[in-house]
Amino acid sequence: IDQLQGQRCSYVYIANNTFNTPSGVDGIDFTSPRHSIFENNTFNGGS
């Protein structure tokens, strides 16, 4: 459904990952992450 899913997570650091995803699959799906950093991630296909 999702490759990396987060629900109600805070102080998250997601960085320098590669997500090879087909159409319709989310690489990262976080719901309202607080005080979090997402950086330098590469997406091939999904989002």
ModelCIF file with pLDDT and N, C-alpha, C, O atoms, coordinates in Angstrom:
data_MODEL
#
_entry.id   MODEL 
#
_entity.id                         1 
_entity.type                       polymer 
_entity.pdbx_number_of_molecules   1 
#
_entity_poly.entity_id                      1 
_entity_poly.type                           'polypeptide(L)' 
_entity_poly.nstd_linkage                   no 
_entity_poly.nstd_monomer                   no 
_entity_poly.pdbx_seq_one_letter_code       IDQLQGQRCSYVYIANNTFNTPSGVDGIDFTSPRHSIFENNTFNGGS 
_entity_poly.pdbx_seq_one_letter_code_can   IDQLQGQRCSYVYIANNTFNTPSGVDGIDFTSPRHSIFENNTFNGGS 
_entity_poly.pdbx_strand_id                 A 
#
loop_
_entity_poly_seq.entity_id 
_entity_poly_seq.num 
_entity_poly_seq.mon_id 
_entity_poly_seq.hetero 
1 1  ILE n 
1 2  ASP n 
1 3  GLN n 
1 4  LEU n 
1 5  GLN n 
1 6  GLY n 
1 7  GLN n 
1 8  ARG n 
1 9  CYS n 
1 10 SER n 
1 11 TYR n 
1 12 VAL n 
1 13 TYR n 
1 14 ILE n 
1 15 ALA n 
1 16 ASN n 
1 17 ASN n 
1 18 THR n 
1 19 PHE n 
1 20 ASN n 
1 21 THR n 
1 22 PRO n 
1 23 SER n 
1 24 GLY n 
1 25 VAL n 
1 26 ASP n 
1 27 GLY n 
1 28 ILE n 
1 29 ASP n 
1 30 PHE n 
1 31 THR n 
1 32 SER n 
1 33 PRO n 
1 34 ARG n 
1 35 HIS n 
1 36 SER n 
1 37 ILE n 
1 38 PHE n 
1 39 GLU n 
1 40 ASN n 
1 41 ASN n 
1 42 THR n 
1 43 PHE n 
1 44 ASN n 
1 45 GLY n 
1 46 GLY n 
1 47 SER n 
#
_struct_asym.id          A 
_struct_asym.entity_id   1 
#
loop_
_ma_qa_metric.id 
_ma_qa_metric.mode 
_ma_qa_metric.name 
_ma_qa_metric.software_group_id 
_ma_qa_metric.type 
1 global pLDDT . pLDDT 
2 local  pLDDT . pLDDT 
#
_ma_qa_metric_global.metric_id      1 
_ma_qa_metric_global.metric_value   93.38 
_ma_qa_metric_global.model_id       1 
_ma_qa_metric_global.ordinal_id     1 
#
loop_
_ma_qa_metric_local.label_asym_id 
_ma_qa_metric_local.label_comp_id 
_ma_qa_metric_local.label_seq_id 
_ma_qa_metric_local.metric_id 
_ma_qa_metric_local.metric_value 
_ma_qa_metric_local.model_id 
_ma_qa_metric_local.ordinal_id 
A ILE 1  2 95.00 1 1  
A ASP 2  2 95.00 1 2  
A GLN 3  2 97.00 1 3  
A LEU 4  2 98.00 1 4  
A GLN 5  2 97.00 1 5  
A GLY 6  2 96.00 1 6  
A GLN 7  2 95.00 1 7  
A ARG 8  2 94.00 1 8  
A CYS 9  2 96.00 1 9  
A SER 10 2 96.00 1 10 
A TYR 11 2 97.00 1 11 
A VAL 12 2 97.00 1 12 
A TYR 13 2 98.00 1 13 
A ILE 14 2 98.00 1 14 
A ALA 15 2 98.00 1 15 
A ASN 16 2 98.00 1 16 
A ASN 17 2 98.00 1 17 
A THR 18 2 98.00 1 18 
A PHE 19 2 97.00 1 19 
A ASN 20 2 96.00 1 20 
A THR 21 2 92.00 1 21 
A PRO 22 2 90.00 1 22 
A SER 23 2 88.00 1 23 
A GLY 24 2 88.00 1 24 
A VAL 25 2 93.00 1 25 
A ASP 26 2 93.00 1 26 
A GLY 27 2 96.00 1 27 
A ILE 28 2 96.00 1 28 
A ASP 29 2 96.00 1 29 
A PHE 30 2 96.00 1 30 
A THR 31 2 92.00 1 31 
A SER 32 2 85.00 1 32 
A PRO 33 2 91.00 1 33 
A ARG 34 2 91.00 1 34 
A HIS 35 2 95.00 1 35 
A SER 36 2 97.00 1 36 
A ILE 37 2 97.00 1 37 
A PHE 38 2 97.00 1 38 
A GLU 39 2 98.00 1 39 
A ASN 40 2 98.00 1 40 
A ASN 41 2 97.00 1 41 
A THR 42 2 97.00 1 42 
A PHE 43 2 95.00 1 43 
A ASN 44 2 93.00 1 44 
A GLY 45 2 82.00 1 45 
A GLY 46 2 62.00 1 46 
A SER 47 2 60.00 1 47 
#
loop_
_atom_site.group_PDB 
_atom_site.id 
_atom_site.type_symbol 
_atom_site.label_atom_id 
_atom_site.label_alt_id 
_atom_site.label_comp_id 
_atom_site.label_asym_id 
_atom_site.label_entity_id 
_atom_site.label_seq_id 
_atom_site.pdbx_PDB_ins_code 
_atom_site.Cartn_x 
_atom_site.Cartn_y 
_atom_site.Cartn_z 
_atom_site.occupancy 
_atom_site.B_iso_or_equiv 
_atom_site.pdbx_formal_charge 
_atom_site.auth_seq_id 
_atom_site.auth_comp_id 
_atom_site.auth_asym_id 
_atom_site.auth_atom_id 
_atom_site.pdbx_PDB_model_num 
ATOM 1   N N  . ILE A 1 1  ? 0.859  -1.196 0.000   1.00 95.00 ? 1  ILE A N  1 
ATOM 2   C CA . ILE A 1 1  ? 0.000  0.000  0.000   1.00 95.00 ? 1  ILE A CA 1 
ATOM 3   C C  . ILE A 1 1  ? 0.892  1.242  0.000   1.00 95.00 ? 1  ILE A C  1 
ATOM 4   O O  . ILE A 1 1  ? 0.762  2.116  -0.857  1.00 95.00 ? 1  ILE A O  1 
ATOM 5   N N  . ASP A 1 2  ? 1.781  1.302  0.957   1.00 95.00 ? 2  ASP A N  1 
ATOM 6   C CA . ASP A 1 2  ? 2.810  2.341  1.028   1.00 95.00 ? 2  ASP A CA 1 
ATOM 7   C C  . ASP A 1 2  ? 4.124  1.658  1.373   1.00 95.00 ? 2  ASP A C  1 
ATOM 8   O O  . ASP A 1 2  ? 4.145  0.610  2.019   1.00 95.00 ? 2  ASP A O  1 
ATOM 9   N N  . GLN A 1 3  ? 5.207  2.258  0.937   1.00 97.00 ? 3  GLN A N  1 
ATOM 10  C CA . GLN A 1 3  ? 6.494  1.711  1.339   1.00 97.00 ? 3  GLN A CA 1 
ATOM 11  C C  . GLN A 1 3  ? 6.839  2.137  2.768   1.00 97.00 ? 3  GLN A C  1 
ATOM 12  O O  . GLN A 1 3  ? 7.119  1.287  3.614   1.00 97.00 ? 3  GLN A O  1 
ATOM 13  N N  . LEU A 1 4  ? 6.823  3.409  3.038   1.00 98.00 ? 4  LEU A N  1 
ATOM 14  C CA . LEU A 1 4  ? 7.120  3.910  4.382   1.00 98.00 ? 4  LEU A CA 1 
ATOM 15  C C  . LEU A 1 4  ? 5.925  4.716  4.870   1.00 98.00 ? 4  LEU A C  1 
ATOM 16  O O  . LEU A 1 4  ? 5.672  5.816  4.378   1.00 98.00 ? 4  LEU A O  1 
ATOM 17  N N  . GLN A 1 5  ? 5.196  4.177  5.828   1.00 97.00 ? 5  GLN A N  1 
ATOM 18  C CA . GLN A 1 5  ? 4.008  4.870  6.329   1.00 97.00 ? 5  GLN A CA 1 
ATOM 19  C C  . GLN A 1 5  ? 4.181  5.228  7.796   1.00 97.00 ? 5  GLN A C  1 
ATOM 20  O O  . GLN A 1 5  ? 4.672  4.429  8.594   1.00 97.00 ? 5  GLN A O  1 
ATOM 21  N N  . GLY A 1 6  ? 3.762  6.458  8.141   1.00 96.00 ? 6  GLY A N  1 
ATOM 22  C CA . GLY A 1 6  ? 3.809  6.905  9.523   1.00 96.00 ? 6  GLY A CA 1 
ATOM 23  C C  . GLY A 1 6  ? 2.500  7.553  9.930   1.00 96.00 ? 6  GLY A C  1 
ATOM 24  O O  . GLY A 1 6  ? 1.920  8.325  9.167   1.00 96.00 ? 6  GLY A O  1 
ATOM 25  N N  . GLN A 1 7  ? 2.040  7.244  11.119  1.00 95.00 ? 7  GLN A N  1 
ATOM 26  C CA . GLN A 1 7  ? 0.809  7.815  11.672  1.00 95.00 ? 7  GLN A CA 1 
ATOM 27  C C  . GLN A 1 7  ? 1.115  8.403  13.048  1.00 95.00 ? 7  GLN A C  1 
ATOM 28  O O  . GLN A 1 7  ? 1.626  7.716  13.933  1.00 95.00 ? 7  GLN A O  1 
ATOM 29  N N  . ARG A 1 8  ? 0.791  9.701  13.213  1.00 94.00 ? 8  ARG A N  1 
ATOM 30  C CA . ARG A 1 8  ? 0.951  10.374 14.502  1.00 94.00 ? 8  ARG A CA 1 
ATOM 31  C C  . ARG A 1 8  ? 2.388  10.261 15.036  1.00 94.00 ? 8  ARG A C  1 
ATOM 32  O O  . ARG A 1 8  ? 2.601  10.000 16.220  1.00 94.00 ? 8  ARG A O  1 
ATOM 33  N N  . CYS A 1 9  ? 3.346  10.457 14.161  1.00 96.00 ? 9  CYS A N  1 
ATOM 34  C CA . CYS A 1 9  ? 4.759  10.397 14.546  1.00 96.00 ? 9  CYS A CA 1 
ATOM 35  C C  . CYS A 1 9  ? 5.344  11.806 14.627  1.00 96.00 ? 9  CYS A C  1 
ATOM 36  O O  . CYS A 1 9  ? 4.946  12.690 13.869  1.00 96.00 ? 9  CYS A O  1 
ATOM 37  N N  . SER A 1 10 ? 6.272  12.010 15.530  1.00 96.00 ? 10 SER A N  1 
ATOM 38  C CA . SER A 1 10 ? 6.904  13.321 15.677  1.00 96.00 ? 10 SER A CA 1 
ATOM 39  C C  . SER A 1 10 ? 8.418  13.163 15.795  1.00 96.00 ? 10 SER A C  1 
ATOM 40  O O  . SER A 1 10 ? 8.924  12.092 16.129  1.00 96.00 ? 10 SER A O  1 
ATOM 41  N N  . TYR A 1 11 ? 9.130  14.264 15.511  1.00 97.00 ? 11 TYR A N  1 
ATOM 42  C CA . TYR A 1 11 ? 10.588 14.266 15.547  1.00 97.00 ? 11 TYR A CA 1 
ATOM 43  C C  . TYR A 1 11 ? 11.153 13.139 14.671  1.00 97.00 ? 11 TYR A C  1 
ATOM 44  O O  . TYR A 1 11 ? 11.985 12.337 15.095  1.00 97.00 ? 11 TYR A O  1 
ATOM 45  N N  . VAL A 1 12 ? 10.666 13.124 13.454  1.00 97.00 ? 12 VAL A N  1 
ATOM 46  C CA . VAL A 1 12 ? 11.056 12.103 12.482  1.00 97.00 ? 12 VAL A CA 1 
ATOM 47  C C  . VAL A 1 12 ? 12.181 12.644 11.605  1.00 97.00 ? 12 VAL A C  1 
ATOM 48  O O  . VAL A 1 12 ? 12.181 13.818 11.235  1.00 97.00 ? 12 VAL A O  1 
ATOM 49  N N  . TYR A 1 13 ? 13.135 11.782 11.278  1.00 98.00 ? 13 TYR A N  1 
ATOM 50  C CA . TYR A 1 13 ? 14.190 12.158 10.334  1.00 98.00 ? 13 TYR A CA 1 
ATOM 51  C C  . TYR A 1 13 ? 14.269 11.082 9.258   1.00 98.00 ? 13 TYR A C  1 
ATOM 52  O O  . TYR A 1 13 ? 14.682 9.951  9.514   1.00 98.00 ? 13 TYR A O  1 
ATOM 53  N N  . ILE A 1 14 ? 13.863 11.462 8.043   1.00 98.00 ? 14 ILE A N  1 
ATOM 54  C CA . ILE A 1 14 ? 13.854 10.551 6.897   1.00 98.00 ? 14 ILE A CA 1 
ATOM 55  C C  . ILE A 1 14 ? 14.743 11.173 5.830   1.00 98.00 ? 14 ILE A C  1 
ATOM 56  O O  . ILE A 1 14 ? 14.395 12.212 5.268   1.00 98.00 ? 14 ILE A O  1 
ATOM 57  N N  . ALA A 1 15 ? 15.886 10.553 5.541   1.00 98.00 ? 15 ALA A N  1 
ATOM 58  C CA . ALA A 1 15 ? 16.845 11.226 4.656   1.00 98.00 ? 15 ALA A CA 1 
ATOM 59  C C  . ALA A 1 15 ? 17.689 10.228 3.864   1.00 98.00 ? 15 ALA A C  1 
ATOM 60  O O  . ALA A 1 15 ? 18.012 9.133  4.324   1.00 98.00 ? 15 ALA A O  1 
ATOM 61  N N  . ASN A 1 16 ? 18.029 10.664 2.649   1.00 98.00 ? 16 ASN A N  1 
ATOM 62  C CA . ASN A 1 16 ? 18.986 9.946  1.805   1.00 98.00 ? 16 ASN A CA 1 
ATOM 63  C C  . ASN A 1 16 ? 18.535 8.526  1.450   1.00 98.00 ? 16 ASN A C  1 
ATOM 64  O O  . ASN A 1 16 ? 19.349 7.615  1.297   1.00 98.00 ? 16 ASN A O  1 
ATOM 65  N N  . ASN A 1 17 ? 17.226 8.370  1.327   1.00 98.00 ? 17 ASN A N  1 
ATOM 66  C CA . ASN A 1 17 ? 16.667 7.078  0.933   1.00 98.00 ? 17 ASN A CA 1 
ATOM 67  C C  . ASN A 1 17 ? 16.281 7.095  -0.548  1.00 98.00 ? 17 ASN A C  1 
ATOM 68  O O  . ASN A 1 17 ? 16.082 8.155  -1.141  1.00 98.00 ? 17 ASN A O  1 
ATOM 69  N N  . THR A 1 18 ? 16.181 5.903  -1.126  1.00 98.00 ? 18 THR A N  1 
ATOM 70  C CA . THR A 1 18 ? 15.708 5.763  -2.499  1.00 98.00 ? 18 THR A CA 1 
ATOM 71  C C  . THR A 1 18 ? 14.435 4.936  -2.501  1.00 98.00 ? 18 THR A C  1 
ATOM 72  O O  . THR A 1 18 ? 14.400 3.825  -1.971  1.00 98.00 ? 18 THR A O  1 
ATOM 73  N N  . PHE A 1 19 ? 13.378 5.495  -3.111  1.00 97.00 ? 19 PHE A N  1 
ATOM 74  C CA . PHE A 1 19 ? 12.084 4.825  -3.177  1.00 97.00 ? 19 PHE A CA 1 
ATOM 75  C C  . PHE A 1 19 ? 11.790 4.467  -4.631  1.00 97.00 ? 19 PHE A C  1 
ATOM 76  O O  . PHE A 1 19 ? 11.511 5.341  -5.452  1.00 97.00 ? 19 PHE A O  1 
ATOM 77  N N  . ASN A 1 20 ? 11.855 3.190  -4.935  1.00 96.00 ? 20 ASN A N  1 
ATOM 78  C CA . ASN A 1 20 ? 11.538 2.691  -6.271  1.00 96.00 ? 20 ASN A CA 1 
ATOM 79  C C  . ASN A 1 20 ? 10.106 2.167  -6.246  1.00 96.00 ? 20 ASN A C  1 
ATOM 80  O O  . ASN A 1 20 ? 9.850  1.040  -5.822  1.00 96.00 ? 20 ASN A O  1 
ATOM 81  N N  . THR A 1 21 ? 9.185  2.996  -6.703  1.00 92.00 ? 21 THR A N  1 
ATOM 82  C CA . THR A 1 21 ? 7.769  2.685  -6.527  1.00 92.00 ? 21 THR A CA 1 
ATOM 83  C C  . THR A 1 21 ? 7.038  2.659  -7.864  1.00 92.00 ? 21 THR A C  1 
ATOM 84  O O  . THR A 1 21 ? 7.282  3.504  -8.725  1.00 92.00 ? 21 THR A O  1 
ATOM 85  N N  . PRO A 1 22 ? 6.142  1.689  -8.039  1.00 90.00 ? 22 PRO A N  1 
ATOM 86  C CA . PRO A 1 22 ? 5.307  1.681  -9.244  1.00 90.00 ? 22 PRO A CA 1 
ATOM 87  C C  . PRO A 1 22 ? 4.183  2.696  -9.115  1.00 90.00 ? 22 PRO A C  1 
ATOM 88  O O  . PRO A 1 22 ? 3.969  3.254  -8.039  1.00 90.00 ? 22 PRO A O  1 
ATOM 89  N N  . SER A 1 23 ? 3.479  2.932  -10.182 1.00 88.00 ? 23 SER A N  1 
ATOM 90  C CA . SER A 1 23 ? 2.336  3.844  -10.150 1.00 88.00 ? 23 SER A CA 1 
ATOM 91  C C  . SER A 1 23 ? 1.310  3.366  -9.130  1.00 88.00 ? 23 SER A C  1 
ATOM 92  O O  . SER A 1 23 ? 0.972  2.184  -9.084  1.00 88.00 ? 23 SER A O  1 
ATOM 93  N N  . GLY A 1 24 ? 0.819  4.296  -8.315  1.00 88.00 ? 24 GLY A N  1 
ATOM 94  C CA . GLY A 1 24 ? -0.204 3.958  -7.332  1.00 88.00 ? 24 GLY A CA 1 
ATOM 95  C C  . GLY A 1 24 ? 0.327  3.605  -5.960  1.00 88.00 ? 24 GLY A C  1 
ATOM 96  O O  . GLY A 1 24 ? -0.457 3.420  -5.030  1.00 88.00 ? 24 GLY A O  1 
ATOM 97  N N  . VAL A 1 25 ? 1.626  3.508  -5.810  1.00 93.00 ? 25 VAL A N  1 
ATOM 98  C CA . VAL A 1 25 ? 2.238  3.200  -4.518  1.00 93.00 ? 25 VAL A CA 1 
ATOM 99  C C  . VAL A 1 25 ? 3.007  4.425  -4.033  1.00 93.00 ? 25 VAL A C  1 
ATOM 100 O O  . VAL A 1 25 ? 3.803  4.997  -4.779  1.00 93.00 ? 25 VAL A O  1 
ATOM 101 N N  . ASP A 1 26 ? 2.769  4.828  -2.781  1.00 93.00 ? 26 ASP A N  1 
ATOM 102 C CA . ASP A 1 26 ? 3.492  5.960  -2.215  1.00 93.00 ? 26 ASP A CA 1 
ATOM 103 C C  . ASP A 1 26 ? 4.790  5.487  -1.578  1.00 93.00 ? 26 ASP A C  1 
ATOM 104 O O  . ASP A 1 26 ? 4.823  4.490  -0.856  1.00 93.00 ? 26 ASP A O  1 
ATOM 105 N N  . GLY A 1 27 ? 5.851  6.219  -1.861  1.00 96.00 ? 27 GLY A N  1 
ATOM 106 C CA . GLY A 1 27 ? 7.112  5.927  -1.194  1.00 96.00 ? 27 GLY A CA 1 
ATOM 107 C C  . GLY A 1 27 ? 7.048  6.336  0.260   1.00 96.00 ? 27 GLY A C  1 
ATOM 108 O O  . GLY A 1 27 ? 7.377  5.545  1.144   1.00 96.00 ? 27 GLY A O  1 
ATOM 109 N N  . ILE A 1 28 ? 6.626  7.574  0.521   1.00 96.00 ? 28 ILE A N  1 
ATOM 110 C CA . ILE A 1 28 ? 6.475  8.079  1.889   1.00 96.00 ? 28 ILE A CA 1 
ATOM 111 C C  . ILE A 1 28 ? 5.047  8.558  2.068   1.00 96.00 ? 28 ILE A C  1 
ATOM 112 O O  . ILE A 1 28 ? 4.544  9.343  1.265   1.00 96.00 ? 28 ILE A O  1 
ATOM 113 N N  . ASP A 1 29 ? 4.396  8.087  3.118   1.00 96.00 ? 29 ASP A N  1 
ATOM 114 C CA . ASP A 1 29 ? 3.041  8.530  3.448   1.00 96.00 ? 29 ASP A CA 1 
ATOM 115 C C  . ASP A 1 29 ? 2.959  8.725  4.955   1.00 96.00 ? 29 ASP A C  1 
ATOM 116 O O  . ASP A 1 29 ? 2.671  7.789  5.700   1.00 96.00 ? 29 ASP A O  1 
ATOM 117 N N  . PHE A 1 30 ? 3.220  9.970  5.400   1.00 96.00 ? 30 PHE A N  1 
ATOM 118 C CA . PHE A 1 30 ? 3.171  10.296 6.825   1.00 96.00 ? 30 PHE A CA 1 
ATOM 119 C C  . PHE A 1 30 ? 2.010  11.249 7.079   1.00 96.00 ? 30 PHE A C  1 
ATOM 120 O O  . PHE A 1 30 ? 1.862  12.251 6.379   1.00 96.00 ? 30 PHE A O  1 
ATOM 121 N N  . THR A 1 31 ? 1.196  10.944 8.065   1.00 92.00 ? 31 THR A N  1 
ATOM 122 C CA . THR A 1 31 ? 0.063  11.775 8.431   1.00 92.00 ? 31 THR A CA 1 
ATOM 123 C C  . THR A 1 31 ? 0.469  12.768 9.510   1.00 92.00 ? 31 THR A C  1 
ATOM 124 O O  . THR A 1 31 ? 0.741  12.388 10.649  1.00 92.00 ? 31 THR A O  1 
ATOM 125 N N  . SER A 1 32 ? 0.509  14.049 9.139   1.00 85.00 ? 32 SER A N  1 
ATOM 126 C CA . SER A 1 32 ? 0.786  15.150 10.077  1.00 85.00 ? 32 SER A CA 1 
ATOM 127 C C  . SER A 1 32 ? 2.008  14.907 10.950  1.00 85.00 ? 32 SER A C  1 
ATOM 128 O O  . SER A 1 32 ? 1.901  14.947 12.176  1.00 85.00 ? 32 SER A O  1 
ATOM 129 N N  . PRO A 1 33 ? 3.157  14.659 10.354  1.00 91.00 ? 33 PRO A N  1 
ATOM 130 C CA . PRO A 1 33 ? 4.360  14.512 11.185  1.00 91.00 ? 33 PRO A CA 1 
ATOM 131 C C  . PRO A 1 33 ? 4.759  15.857 11.782  1.00 91.00 ? 33 PRO A C  1 
ATOM 132 O O  . PRO A 1 33 ? 4.788  16.861 11.071  1.00 91.00 ? 33 PRO A O  1 
ATOM 133 N N  . ARG A 1 34 ? 5.058  15.891 13.041  1.00 91.00 ? 34 ARG A N  1 
ATOM 134 C CA . ARG A 1 34 ? 5.413  17.133 13.717  1.00 91.00 ? 34 ARG A CA 1 
ATOM 135 C C  . ARG A 1 34 ? 6.917  17.192 13.975  1.00 91.00 ? 34 ARG A C  1 
ATOM 136 O O  . ARG A 1 34 ? 7.552  16.189 14.300  1.00 91.00 ? 34 ARG A O  1 
ATOM 137 N N  . HIS A 1 35 ? 7.465  18.396 13.819  1.00 95.00 ? 35 HIS A N  1 
ATOM 138 C CA . HIS A 1 35 ? 8.883  18.631 14.104  1.00 95.00 ? 35 HIS A CA 1 
ATOM 139 C C  . HIS A 1 35 ? 9.761  17.609 13.383  1.00 95.00 ? 35 HIS A C  1 
ATOM 140 O O  . HIS A 1 35 ? 10.641 16.994 13.986  1.00 95.00 ? 35 HIS A O  1 
ATOM 141 N N  . SER A 1 36 ? 9.514  17.442 12.113  1.00 97.00 ? 36 SER A N  1 
ATOM 142 C CA . SER A 1 36 ? 10.172 16.377 11.356  1.00 97.00 ? 36 SER A CA 1 
ATOM 143 C C  . SER A 1 36 ? 10.925 16.924 10.149  1.00 97.00 ? 36 SER A C  1 
ATOM 144 O O  . SER A 1 36 ? 10.621 18.007 9.649   1.00 97.00 ? 36 SER A O  1 
ATOM 145 N N  . ILE A 1 37 ? 11.901 16.167 9.695   1.00 97.00 ? 37 ILE A N  1 
ATOM 146 C CA . ILE A 1 37 ? 12.714 16.553 8.546   1.00 97.00 ? 37 ILE A CA 1 
ATOM 147 C C  . ILE A 1 37 ? 12.705 15.415 7.528   1.00 97.00 ? 37 ILE A C  1 
ATOM 148 O O  . ILE A 1 37 ? 13.000 14.264 7.850   1.00 97.00 ? 37 ILE A O  1 
ATOM 149 N N  . PHE A 1 38 ? 12.359 15.767 6.297   1.00 97.00 ? 38 PHE A N  1 
ATOM 150 C CA . PHE A 1 38 ? 12.427 14.840 5.165   1.00 97.00 ? 38 PHE A CA 1 
ATOM 151 C C  . PHE A 1 38 ? 13.342 15.501 4.136   1.00 97.00 ? 38 PHE A C  1 
ATOM 152 O O  . PHE A 1 38 ? 13.006 16.559 3.605   1.00 97.00 ? 38 PHE A O  1 
ATOM 153 N N  . GLU A 1 39 ? 14.488 14.895 3.850   1.00 98.00 ? 39 GLU A N  1 
ATOM 154 C CA . GLU A 1 39 ? 15.415 15.556 2.943   1.00 98.00 ? 39 GLU A CA 1 
ATOM 155 C C  . GLU A 1 39 ? 16.241 14.556 2.138   1.00 98.00 ? 39 GLU A C  1 
ATOM 156 O O  . GLU A 1 39 ? 16.551 13.453 2.589   1.00 98.00 ? 39 GLU A O  1 
ATOM 157 N N  . ASN A 1 40 ? 16.582 14.992 0.932   1.00 98.00 ? 40 ASN A N  1 
ATOM 158 C CA . ASN A 1 40 ? 17.503 14.247 0.059   1.00 98.00 ? 40 ASN A CA 1 
ATOM 159 C C  . ASN A 1 40 ? 17.016 12.822 -0.238  1.00 98.00 ? 40 ASN A C  1 
ATOM 160 O O  . ASN A 1 40 ? 17.822 11.903 -0.385  1.00 98.00 ? 40 ASN A O  1 
ATOM 161 N N  . ASN A 1 41 ? 15.714 12.651 -0.324  1.00 97.00 ? 41 ASN A N  1 
ATOM 162 C CA . ASN A 1 41 ? 15.176 11.353 -0.723  1.00 97.00 ? 41 ASN A CA 1 
ATOM 163 C C  . ASN A 1 41 ? 14.921 11.332 -2.221  1.00 97.00 ? 41 ASN A C  1 
ATOM 164 O O  . ASN A 1 41 ? 14.529 12.344 -2.801  1.00 97.00 ? 41 ASN A O  1 
ATOM 165 N N  . THR A 1 42 ? 15.138 10.197 -2.842  1.00 97.00 ? 42 THR A N  1 
ATOM 166 C CA . THR A 1 42 ? 14.962 10.040 -4.295  1.00 97.00 ? 42 THR A CA 1 
ATOM 167 C C  . THR A 1 42 ? 13.763 9.161  -4.574  1.00 97.00 ? 42 THR A C  1 
ATOM 168 O O  . THR A 1 42 ? 13.620 8.086  -3.992  1.00 97.00 ? 42 THR A O  1 
ATOM 169 N N  . PHE A 1 43 ? 12.890 9.627  -5.480  1.00 95.00 ? 43 PHE A N  1 
ATOM 170 C CA . PHE A 1 43 ? 11.672 8.891  -5.818  1.00 95.00 ? 43 PHE A CA 1 
ATOM 171 C C  . PHE A 1 43 ? 11.717 8.503  -7.291  1.00 95.00 ? 43 PHE A C  1 
ATOM 172 O O  . PHE A 1 43 ? 11.873 9.347  -8.174  1.00 95.00 ? 43 PHE A O  1 
ATOM 173 N N  . ASN A 1 44 ? 11.578 7.225  -7.526  1.00 93.00 ? 44 ASN A N  1 
ATOM 174 C CA . ASN A 1 44 ? 11.517 6.718  -8.890  1.00 93.00 ? 44 ASN A CA 1 
ATOM 175 C C  . ASN A 1 44 ? 10.162 6.060  -9.122  1.00 93.00 ? 44 ASN A C  1 
ATOM 176 O O  . ASN A 1 44 ? 10.000 4.863  -8.884  1.00 93.00 ? 44 ASN A O  1 
ATOM 177 N N  . GLY A 1 45 ? 9.195  6.835  -9.584  1.00 82.00 ? 45 GLY A N  1 
ATOM 178 C CA . GLY A 1 45 ? 7.873  6.305  -9.877  1.00 82.00 ? 45 GLY A CA 1 
ATOM 179 C C  . GLY A 1 45 ? 6.780  6.899  -9.021  1.00 82.00 ? 45 GLY A C  1 
ATOM 180 O O  . GLY A 1 45 ? 5.924  7.619  -9.535  1.00 82.00 ? 45 GLY A O  1 
ATOM 181 N N  . GLY A 1 46 ? 6.783  6.615  -7.710  1.00 62.00 ? 46 GLY A N  1 
ATOM 182 C CA . GLY A 1 46 ? 5.706  7.098  -6.831  1.00 62.00 ? 46 GLY A CA 1 
ATOM 183 C C  . GLY A 1 46 ? 6.046  8.425  -6.222  1.00 62.00 ? 46 GLY A C  1 
ATOM 184 O O  . GLY A 1 46 ? 6.687  9.271  -6.847  1.00 62.00 ? 46 GLY A O  1 
ATOM 185 N N  . SER A 1 47 ? 5.602  8.607  -4.965  1.00 60.00 ? 47 SER A N  1 
ATOM 186 C CA . SER A 1 47 ? 5.839  9.905  -4.317  1.00 60.00 ? 47 SER A CA 1 
ATOM 187 C C  . SER A 1 47 ? 6.114  9.743  -2.843  1.00 60.00 ? 47 SER A C  1 
ATOM 188 O O  . SER A 1 47 ? 6.335  10.732 -2.143  1.00 60.00 ? 47 SER A O  1 
#
